[in-house]
All heavy atoms as atom14 arrays in JSON, in Angstrom:
{
  "sequence": "STMSVSKVYECIEADSAGNCPSGAPVSPAIAAGLLPG",
  "atom14_mask": [
    [1, 1, 1, 1, 1, 1, 0, 0, 0, 0, 0, 0, 0, 0],
    [1, 1, 1, 1, 1, 1, 1, 0, 0, 0, 0, 0, 0, 0],
    [1, 1, 1, 1, 1, 1, 1, 1, 0, 0, 0, 0, 0, 0],
    [1, 1, 1, 1, 1, 1, 0, 0, 0, 0, 0, 0, 0, 0],
    [1, 1, 1, 1, 1, 1, 1, 0, 0, 0, 0, 0, 0, 0],
    [1, 1, 1, 1, 1, 1, 0, 0, 0, 0, 0, 0, 0, 0],
    [1, 1, 1, 1, 1, 1, 1, 1, 1, 0, 0, 0, 0, 0],
    [1, 1, 1, 1, 1, 1, 1, 0, 0, 0, 0, 0, 0, 0],
    [1, 1, 1, 1, 1, 1, 1, 1, 1, 1, 1, 1, 0, 0],
    [1, 1, 1, 1, 1, 1, 1, 1, 1, 0, 0, 0, 0, 0],
    [1, 1, 1, 1, 1, 1, 0, 0, 0, 0, 0, 0, 0, 0],
    [1, 1, 1, 1, 1, 1, 1, 1, 0, 0, 0, 0, 0, 0],
    [1, 1, 1, 1, 1, 1, 1, 1, 1, 0, 0, 0, 0, 0],
    [1, 1, 1, 1, 1, 0, 0, 0, 0, 0, 0, 0, 0, 0],
    [1, 1, 1, 1, 1, 1, 1, 1, 0, 0, 0, 0, 0, 0],
    [1, 1, 1, 1, 1, 1, 0, 0, 0, 0, 0, 0, 0, 0],
    [1, 1, 1, 1, 1, 0, 0, 0, 0, 0, 0, 0, 0, 0],
    [1, 1, 1, 1, 0, 0, 0, 0, 0, 0, 0, 0, 0, 0],
    [1, 1, 1, 1, 1, 1, 1, 1, 0, 0, 0, 0, 0, 0],
    [1, 1, 1, 1, 1, 1, 0, 0, 0, 0, 0, 0, 0, 0],
    [1, 1, 1, 1, 1, 1, 1, 0, 0, 0, 0, 0, 0, 0],
    [1, 1, 1, 1, 1, 1, 0, 0, 0, 0, 0, 0, 0, 0],
    [1, 1, 1, 1, 0, 0, 0, 0, 0, 0, 0, 0, 0, 0],
    [1, 1, 1, 1, 1, 0, 0, 0, 0, 0, 0, 0, 0, 0],
    [1, 1, 1, 1, 1, 1, 1, 0, 0, 0, 0, 0, 0, 0],
    [1, 1, 1, 1, 1, 1, 1, 0, 0, 0, 0, 0, 0, 0],
    [1, 1, 1, 1, 1, 1, 0, 0, 0, 0, 0, 0, 0, 0],
    [1, 1, 1, 1, 1, 1, 1, 0, 0, 0, 0, 0, 0, 0],
    [1, 1, 1, 1, 1, 0, 0, 0, 0, 0, 0, 0, 0, 0],
    [1, 1, 1, 1, 1, 1, 1, 1, 0, 0, 0, 0, 0, 0],
    [1, 1, 1, 1, 1, 0, 0, 0, 0, 0, 0, 0, 0, 0],
    [1, 1, 1, 1, 1, 0, 0, 0, 0, 0, 0, 0, 0, 0],
    [1, 1, 1, 1, 0, 0, 0, 0, 0, 0, 0, 0, 0, 0],
    [1, 1, 1, 1, 1, 1, 1, 1, 0, 0, 0, 0, 0, 0],
    [1, 1, 1, 1, 1, 1, 1, 1, 0, 0, 0, 0, 0, 0],
    [1, 1, 1, 1, 1, 1, 1, 0, 0, 0, 0, 0, 0, 0],
    [1, 1, 1, 1, 0, 0, 0, 0, 0, 0, 0, 0, 0, 0]
  ],
  "atom14_positions": [
    [[14.74, 5.37, 6.29], [13.46, 5.38, 5.62], [12.47, 6.27, 6.46], [12.48, 6.31, 7.67], [12.87, 3.99, 5.57], [13.65, 3.2, 4.72], [0.0, 0.0, 0.0], [0.0, 0.0, 0.0], [0.0, 0.0, 0.0], [0.0, 0.0, 0.0], [0.0, 0.0, 0.0], [0.0, 0.0, 0.0], [0.0, 0.0, 0.0], [0.0, 0.0, 0.0]],
    [[11.66, 6.99, 5.73], [10.55, 7.75, 6.33], [9.34, 6.81, 6.36], [9.35, 5.7, 5.91], [10.26, 9.04, 5.54], [9.74, 8.73, 4.28], [11.55, 9.88, 5.42], [0.0, 0.0, 0.0], [0.0, 0.0, 0.0], [0.0, 0.0, 0.0], [0.0, 0.0, 0.0], [0.0, 0.0, 0.0], [0.0, 0.0, 0.0], [0.0, 0.0, 0.0]],
    [[8.27, 7.32, 6.93], [6.99, 6.58, 6.94], [6.09, 6.94, 5.74], [4.96, 6.48, 5.64], [6.26, 6.9, 8.24], [7.04, 6.55, 9.49], [7.4, 4.79, 9.59], [5.78, 4.18, 10.06], [0.0, 0.0, 0.0], [0.0, 0.0, 0.0], [0.0, 0.0, 0.0], [0.0, 0.0, 0.0], [0.0, 0.0, 0.0], [0.0, 0.0, 0.0]],
    [[6.69, 7.63, 4.8], [5.94, 8.09, 3.61], [6.24, 7.17, 2.43], [7.38, 6.77, 2.21], [6.28, 9.55, 3.24], [5.57, 9.96, 2.12], [0.0, 0.0, 0.0], [0.0, 0.0, 0.0], [0.0, 0.0, 0.0], [0.0, 0.0, 0.0], [0.0, 0.0, 0.0], [0.0, 0.0, 0.0], [0.0, 0.0, 0.0], [0.0, 0.0, 0.0]],
    [[5.18, 6.77, 1.72], [5.32, 5.86, 0.52], [5.72, 6.73, -0.68], [5.03, 7.7, -0.96], [4.01, 5.14, 0.23], [4.1, 4.27, -1.03], [3.61, 4.27, 1.41], [0.0, 0.0, 0.0], [0.0, 0.0, 0.0], [0.0, 0.0, 0.0], [0.0, 0.0, 0.0], [0.0, 0.0, 0.0], [0.0, 0.0, 0.0], [0.0, 0.0, 0.0]],
    [[6.89, 6.38, -1.29], [7.33, 7.13, -2.48], [6.98, 6.44, -3.75], [6.86, 7.12, -4.8], [8.84, 7.35, -2.42], [9.51, 6.07, -2.5], [0.0, 0.0, 0.0], [0.0, 0.0, 0.0], [0.0, 0.0, 0.0], [0.0, 0.0, 0.0], [0.0, 0.0, 0.0], [0.0, 0.0, 0.0], [0.0, 0.0, 0.0], [0.0, 0.0, 0.0]],
    [[6.77, 5.12, -3.69], [6.47, 4.35, -4.94], [5.71, 3.1, -4.63], [5.91, 2.47, -3.58], [7.71, 3.99, -5.71], [7.49, 3.4, -7.1], [8.8, 3.17, -7.84], [8.57, 2.69, -9.26], [9.88, 2.51, -9.98], [0.0, 0.0, 0.0], [0.0, 0.0, 0.0], [0.0, 0.0, 0.0], [0.0, 0.0, 0.0], [0.0, 0.0, 0.0]],
    [[4.71, 2.75, -5.44], [3.92, 1.57, -5.24], [4.12, 0.67, -6.48], [3.94, 1.12, -7.62], [2.43, 1.9, -5.06], [1.61, 0.59, -4.95], [2.16, 2.76, -3.84], [0.0, 0.0, 0.0], [0.0, 0.0, 0.0], [0.0, 0.0, 0.0], [0.0, 0.0, 0.0], [0.0, 0.0, 0.0], [0.0, 0.0, 0.0], [0.0, 0.0, 0.0]],
    [[4.55, -0.6, -6.28], [4.82, -1.51, -7.38], [3.56, -2.32, -7.66], [2.78, -2.64, -6.75], [5.96, -2.45, -6.99], [7.28, -1.75, -6.84], [7.8, -1.46, -5.56], [8.03, -1.41, -7.99], [9.03, -0.81, -5.45], [9.28, -0.76, -7.81], [9.75, -0.44, -6.56], [10.98, 0.19, -6.45], [0.0, 0.0, 0.0], [0.0, 0.0, 0.0]],
    [[3.38, -2.65, -8.98], [2.25, -3.38, -9.39], [2.23, -4.79, -8.83], [1.23, -5.38, -8.6], [2.17, -3.45, -10.99], [1.9, -2.1, -11.59], [0.52, -1.59, -11.34], [-0.41, -2.47, -11.19], [0.31, -0.39, -11.26], [0.0, 0.0, 0.0], [0.0, 0.0, 0.0], [0.0, 0.0, 0.0], [0.0, 0.0, 0.0], [0.0, 0.0, 0.0]],
    [[3.47, -5.34, -8.65], [3.58, -6.67, -8.09], [4.88, -6.72, -7.23], [5.74, -5.9, -7.37], [3.65, -7.76, -9.18], [5.13, -7.67, -10.22], [0.0, 0.0, 0.0], [0.0, 0.0, 0.0], [0.0, 0.0, 0.0], [0.0, 0.0, 0.0], [0.0, 0.0, 0.0], [0.0, 0.0, 0.0], [0.0, 0.0, 0.0], [0.0, 0.0, 0.0]],
    [[4.98, -7.75, -6.38], [6.12, -7.88, -5.55], [7.3, -8.46, -6.25], [8.45, -8.38, -5.78], [5.9, -8.61, -4.24], [5.46, -10.07, -4.59], [4.8, -7.95, -3.39], [5.24, -10.96, -3.35], [0.0, 0.0, 0.0], [0.0, 0.0, 0.0], [0.0, 0.0, 0.0], [0.0, 0.0, 0.0], [0.0, 0.0, 0.0], [0.0, 0.0, 0.0]],
    [[7.08, -9.05, -7.46], [8.19, -9.6, -8.27], [8.74, -8.58, -9.24], [9.5, -8.95, -10.13], [7.7, -10.84, -9.04], [7.29, -12.04, -8.17], [5.81, -12.01, -7.83], [5.15, -10.98, -8.21], [5.28, -12.9, -7.15], [0.0, 0.0, 0.0], [0.0, 0.0, 0.0], [0.0, 0.0, 0.0], [0.0, 0.0, 0.0], [0.0, 0.0, 0.0]],
    [[8.36, -7.3, -9.15], [8.77, -6.3, -10.09], [10.32, -6.13, -10.09], [10.96, -6.24, -9.02], [8.15, -4.96, -9.76], [0.0, 0.0, 0.0], [0.0, 0.0, 0.0], [0.0, 0.0, 0.0], [0.0, 0.0, 0.0], [0.0, 0.0, 0.0], [0.0, 0.0, 0.0], [0.0, 0.0, 0.0], [0.0, 0.0, 0.0], [0.0, 0.0, 0.0]],
    [[10.86, -5.85, -11.29], [12.32, -5.66, -11.41], [12.63, -4.24, -10.99], [11.77, -3.45, -10.51], [12.83, -5.97, -12.81], [12.13, -5.17, -13.86], [11.54, -4.04, -13.54], [12.1, -5.57, -15.04], [0.0, 0.0, 0.0], [0.0, 0.0, 0.0], [0.0, 0.0, 0.0], [0.0, 0.0, 0.0], [0.0, 0.0, 0.0], [0.0, 0.0, 0.0]],
    [[13.92, -3.81, -11.12], [14.35, -2.52, -10.69], [13.65, -1.42, -11.48], [13.53, -0.29, -10.94], [15.9, -2.37, -10.88], [16.26, -2.62, -12.19], [0.0, 0.0, 0.0], [0.0, 0.0, 0.0], [0.0, 0.0, 0.0], [0.0, 0.0, 0.0], [0.0, 0.0, 0.0], [0.0, 0.0, 0.0], [0.0, 0.0, 0.0], [0.0, 0.0, 0.0]],
    [[13.2, -1.69, -12.67], [12.5, -0.72, -13.47], [10.96, -0.66, -13.14], [10.24, 0.15, -13.7], [12.71, -0.95, -14.93], [0.0, 0.0, 0.0], [0.0, 0.0, 0.0], [0.0, 0.0, 0.0], [0.0, 0.0, 0.0], [0.0, 0.0, 0.0], [0.0, 0.0, 0.0], [0.0, 0.0, 0.0], [0.0, 0.0, 0.0], [0.0, 0.0, 0.0]],
    [[10.54, -1.58, -12.26], [9.07, -1.62, -11.91], [8.3, -2.52, -12.8], [7.05, -2.53, -12.65], [0.0, 0.0, 0.0], [0.0, 0.0, 0.0], [0.0, 0.0, 0.0], [0.0, 0.0, 0.0], [0.0, 0.0, 0.0], [0.0, 0.0, 0.0], [0.0, 0.0, 0.0], [0.0, 0.0, 0.0], [0.0, 0.0, 0.0], [0.0, 0.0, 0.0]],
    [[8.94, -3.3, -13.68], [8.17, -4.14, -14.64], [7.85, -5.47, -13.95], [8.66, -6.07, -13.28], [8.98, -4.38, -15.92], [9.26, -3.07, -16.65], [8.36, -2.27, -16.8], [10.52, -2.91, -17.08], [0.0, 0.0, 0.0], [0.0, 0.0, 0.0], [0.0, 0.0, 0.0], [0.0, 0.0, 0.0], [0.0, 0.0, 0.0], [0.0, 0.0, 0.0]],
    [[6.59, -5.99, -14.18], [6.18, -7.22, -13.56], [6.2, -8.37, -14.61], [5.87, -8.11, -15.8], [4.76, -7.06, -13.01], [4.64, -5.95, -11.61], [0.0, 0.0, 0.0], [0.0, 0.0, 0.0], [0.0, 0.0, 0.0], [0.0, 0.0, 0.0], [0.0, 0.0, 0.0], [0.0, 0.0, 0.0], [0.0, 0.0, 0.0], [0.0, 0.0, 0.0]],
    [[6.52, -9.56, -14.23], [6.42, -10.69, -15.14], [4.95, -11.0, -15.44], [4.07, -10.67, -14.7], [7.04, -11.87, -14.3], [6.99, -11.42, -12.88], [7.1, -9.93, -12.87], [0.0, 0.0, 0.0], [0.0, 0.0, 0.0], [0.0, 0.0, 0.0], [0.0, 0.0, 0.0], [0.0, 0.0, 0.0], [0.0, 0.0, 0.0], [0.0, 0.0, 0.0]],
    [[4.77, -11.59, -16.59], [3.39, -11.94, -17.05], [2.67, -12.83, -16.03], [3.22, -13.84, -15.58], [3.47, -12.57, -18.44], [2.15, -12.89, -18.84], [0.0, 0.0, 0.0], [0.0, 0.0, 0.0], [0.0, 0.0, 0.0], [0.0, 0.0, 0.0], [0.0, 0.0, 0.0], [0.0, 0.0, 0.0], [0.0, 0.0, 0.0], [0.0, 0.0, 0.0]],
    [[1.5, -12.45, -15.7], [0.66, -13.27, -14.84], [0.96, -13.1, -13.37], [0.33, -13.77, -12.49], [0.0, 0.0, 0.0], [0.0, 0.0, 0.0], [0.0, 0.0, 0.0], [0.0, 0.0, 0.0], [0.0, 0.0, 0.0], [0.0, 0.0, 0.0], [0.0, 0.0, 0.0], [0.0, 0.0, 0.0], [0.0, 0.0, 0.0], [0.0, 0.0, 0.0]],
    [[1.86, -12.22, -12.98], [2.12, -12.0, -11.59], [0.95, -11.35, -10.86], [0.35, -10.44, -11.41], [3.39, -11.11, -11.42], [0.0, 0.0, 0.0], [0.0, 0.0, 0.0], [0.0, 0.0, 0.0], [0.0, 0.0, 0.0], [0.0, 0.0, 0.0], [0.0, 0.0, 0.0], [0.0, 0.0, 0.0], [0.0, 0.0, 0.0], [0.0, 0.0, 0.0]],
    [[0.63, -11.83, -9.67], [-0.49, -11.23, -8.93], [-0.13, -9.8, -8.49], [1.02, -9.44, -8.35], [-0.67, -12.17, -7.75], [0.65, -12.76, -7.53], [1.27, -12.91, -8.88], [0.0, 0.0, 0.0], [0.0, 0.0, 0.0], [0.0, 0.0, 0.0], [0.0, 0.0, 0.0], [0.0, 0.0, 0.0], [0.0, 0.0, 0.0], [0.0, 0.0, 0.0]],
    [[-1.22, -8.99, -8.3], [-0.93, -7.62, -7.91], [-0.35, -7.58, -6.49], [-0.57, -8.52, -5.72], [-2.23, -6.77, -7.94], [-2.78, -6.7, -9.36], [-3.29, -7.32, -7.0], [0.0, 0.0, 0.0], [0.0, 0.0, 0.0], [0.0, 0.0, 0.0], [0.0, 0.0, 0.0], [0.0, 0.0, 0.0], [0.0, 0.0, 0.0], [0.0, 0.0, 0.0]],
    [[0.39, -6.56, -6.23], [1.03, -6.43, -4.9], [-0.02, -6.18, -3.8], [-1.12, -5.71, -4.11], [2.06, -5.31, -4.91], [1.38, -4.07, -5.06], [0.0, 0.0, 0.0], [0.0, 0.0, 0.0], [0.0, 0.0, 0.0], [0.0, 0.0, 0.0], [0.0, 0.0, 0.0], [0.0, 0.0, 0.0], [0.0, 0.0, 0.0], [0.0, 0.0, 0.0]],
    [[0.28, -6.54, -2.57], [-0.62, -6.22, -1.47], [-0.94, -4.69, -1.38], [-2.04, -4.34, -1.06], [0.12, -6.69, -0.21], [1.02, -7.77, -0.74], [1.43, -7.36, -2.09], [0.0, 0.0, 0.0], [0.0, 0.0, 0.0], [0.0, 0.0, 0.0], [0.0, 0.0, 0.0], [0.0, 0.0, 0.0], [0.0, 0.0, 0.0], [0.0, 0.0, 0.0]],
    [[0.03, -3.82, -1.74], [-0.2, -2.38, -1.69], [-1.23, -1.96, -2.67], [-2.1, -1.14, -2.39], [1.08, -1.64, -1.89], [0.0, 0.0, 0.0], [0.0, 0.0, 0.0], [0.0, 0.0, 0.0], [0.0, 0.0, 0.0], [0.0, 0.0, 0.0], [0.0, 0.0, 0.0], [0.0, 0.0, 0.0], [0.0, 0.0, 0.0], [0.0, 0.0, 0.0]],
    [[-1.14, -2.49, -3.94], [-2.09, -2.17, -4.96], [-3.49, -2.67, -4.56], [-4.48, -1.98, -4.69], [-1.73, -2.74, -6.32], [-0.47, -2.04, -6.91], [-2.85, -2.77, -7.31], [-0.73, -0.66, -7.32], [0.0, 0.0, 0.0], [0.0, 0.0, 0.0], [0.0, 0.0, 0.0], [0.0, 0.0, 0.0], [0.0, 0.0, 0.0], [0.0, 0.0, 0.0]],
    [[-3.55, -3.91, -3.99], [-4.85, -4.47, -3.64], [-5.47, -3.68, -2.55], [-6.69, -3.53, -2.41], [-4.63, -5.96, -3.18], [0.0, 0.0, 0.0], [0.0, 0.0, 0.0], [0.0, 0.0, 0.0], [0.0, 0.0, 0.0], [0.0, 0.0, 0.0], [0.0, 0.0, 0.0], [0.0, 0.0, 0.0], [0.0, 0.0, 0.0], [0.0, 0.0, 0.0]],
    [[-4.65, -3.09, -1.59], [-5.16, -2.33, -0.53], [-5.54, -0.9, -0.88], [-6.26, -0.25, -0.15], [-4.15, -2.33, 0.61], [0.0, 0.0, 0.0], [0.0, 0.0, 0.0], [0.0, 0.0, 0.0], [0.0, 0.0, 0.0], [0.0, 0.0, 0.0], [0.0, 0.0, 0.0], [0.0, 0.0, 0.0], [0.0, 0.0, 0.0], [0.0, 0.0, 0.0]],
    [[-4.99, -0.4, -1.94], [-5.25, 0.95, -2.37], [-4.26, 1.97, -1.91], [-4.56, 3.15, -1.85], [0.0, 0.0, 0.0], [0.0, 0.0, 0.0], [0.0, 0.0, 0.0], [0.0, 0.0, 0.0], [0.0, 0.0, 0.0], [0.0, 0.0, 0.0], [0.0, 0.0, 0.0], [0.0, 0.0, 0.0], [0.0, 0.0, 0.0], [0.0, 0.0, 0.0]],
    [[-3.02, 1.52, -1.49], [-2.03, 2.46, -1.09], [-1.56, 3.32, -2.29], [-1.45, 2.79, -3.41], [-0.75, 1.74, -0.5], [-0.75, 1.45, 0.98], [0.41, 0.55, 1.35], [-0.67, 2.73, 1.79], [0.0, 0.0, 0.0], [0.0, 0.0, 0.0], [0.0, 0.0, 0.0], [0.0, 0.0, 0.0], [0.0, 0.0, 0.0], [0.0, 0.0, 0.0]],
    [[-1.23, 4.6, -2.01], [-0.84, 5.49, -3.09], [0.51, 6.18, -2.67], [0.76, 6.38, -1.51], [-1.9, 6.55, -3.34], [-3.29, 6.04, -3.85], [-4.28, 7.25, -3.92], [-3.15, 5.34, -5.16], [0.0, 0.0, 0.0], [0.0, 0.0, 0.0], [0.0, 0.0, 0.0], [0.0, 0.0, 0.0], [0.0, 0.0, 0.0], [0.0, 0.0, 0.0]],
    [[1.3, 6.54, -3.65], [2.46, 7.4, -3.39], [2.05, 8.67, -2.68], [1.08, 9.32, -3.01], [3.03, 7.74, -4.74], [2.57, 6.59, -5.66], [1.21, 6.23, -5.15], [0.0, 0.0, 0.0], [0.0, 0.0, 0.0], [0.0, 0.0, 0.0], [0.0, 0.0, 0.0], [0.0, 0.0, 0.0], [0.0, 0.0, 0.0], [0.0, 0.0, 0.0]],
    [[2.81, 8.97, -1.61], [2.47, 10.14, -0.78], [1.72, 9.81, 0.49], [1.73, 10.65, 1.42], [0.0, 0.0, 0.0], [0.0, 0.0, 0.0], [0.0, 0.0, 0.0], [0.0, 0.0, 0.0], [0.0, 0.0, 0.0], [0.0, 0.0, 0.0], [0.0, 0.0, 0.0], [0.0, 0.0, 0.0], [0.0, 0.0, 0.0], [0.0, 0.0, 0.0]]
  ]
}
């Protein structure tokens, strides 16, 4: 792994396609404002 972010998921329960279950809280990365790159 590099230290570069390639993808940010909407929630930590996201499936392999990145889809989140209904009502799942946002991921810590989204809440913090992390972005790909």
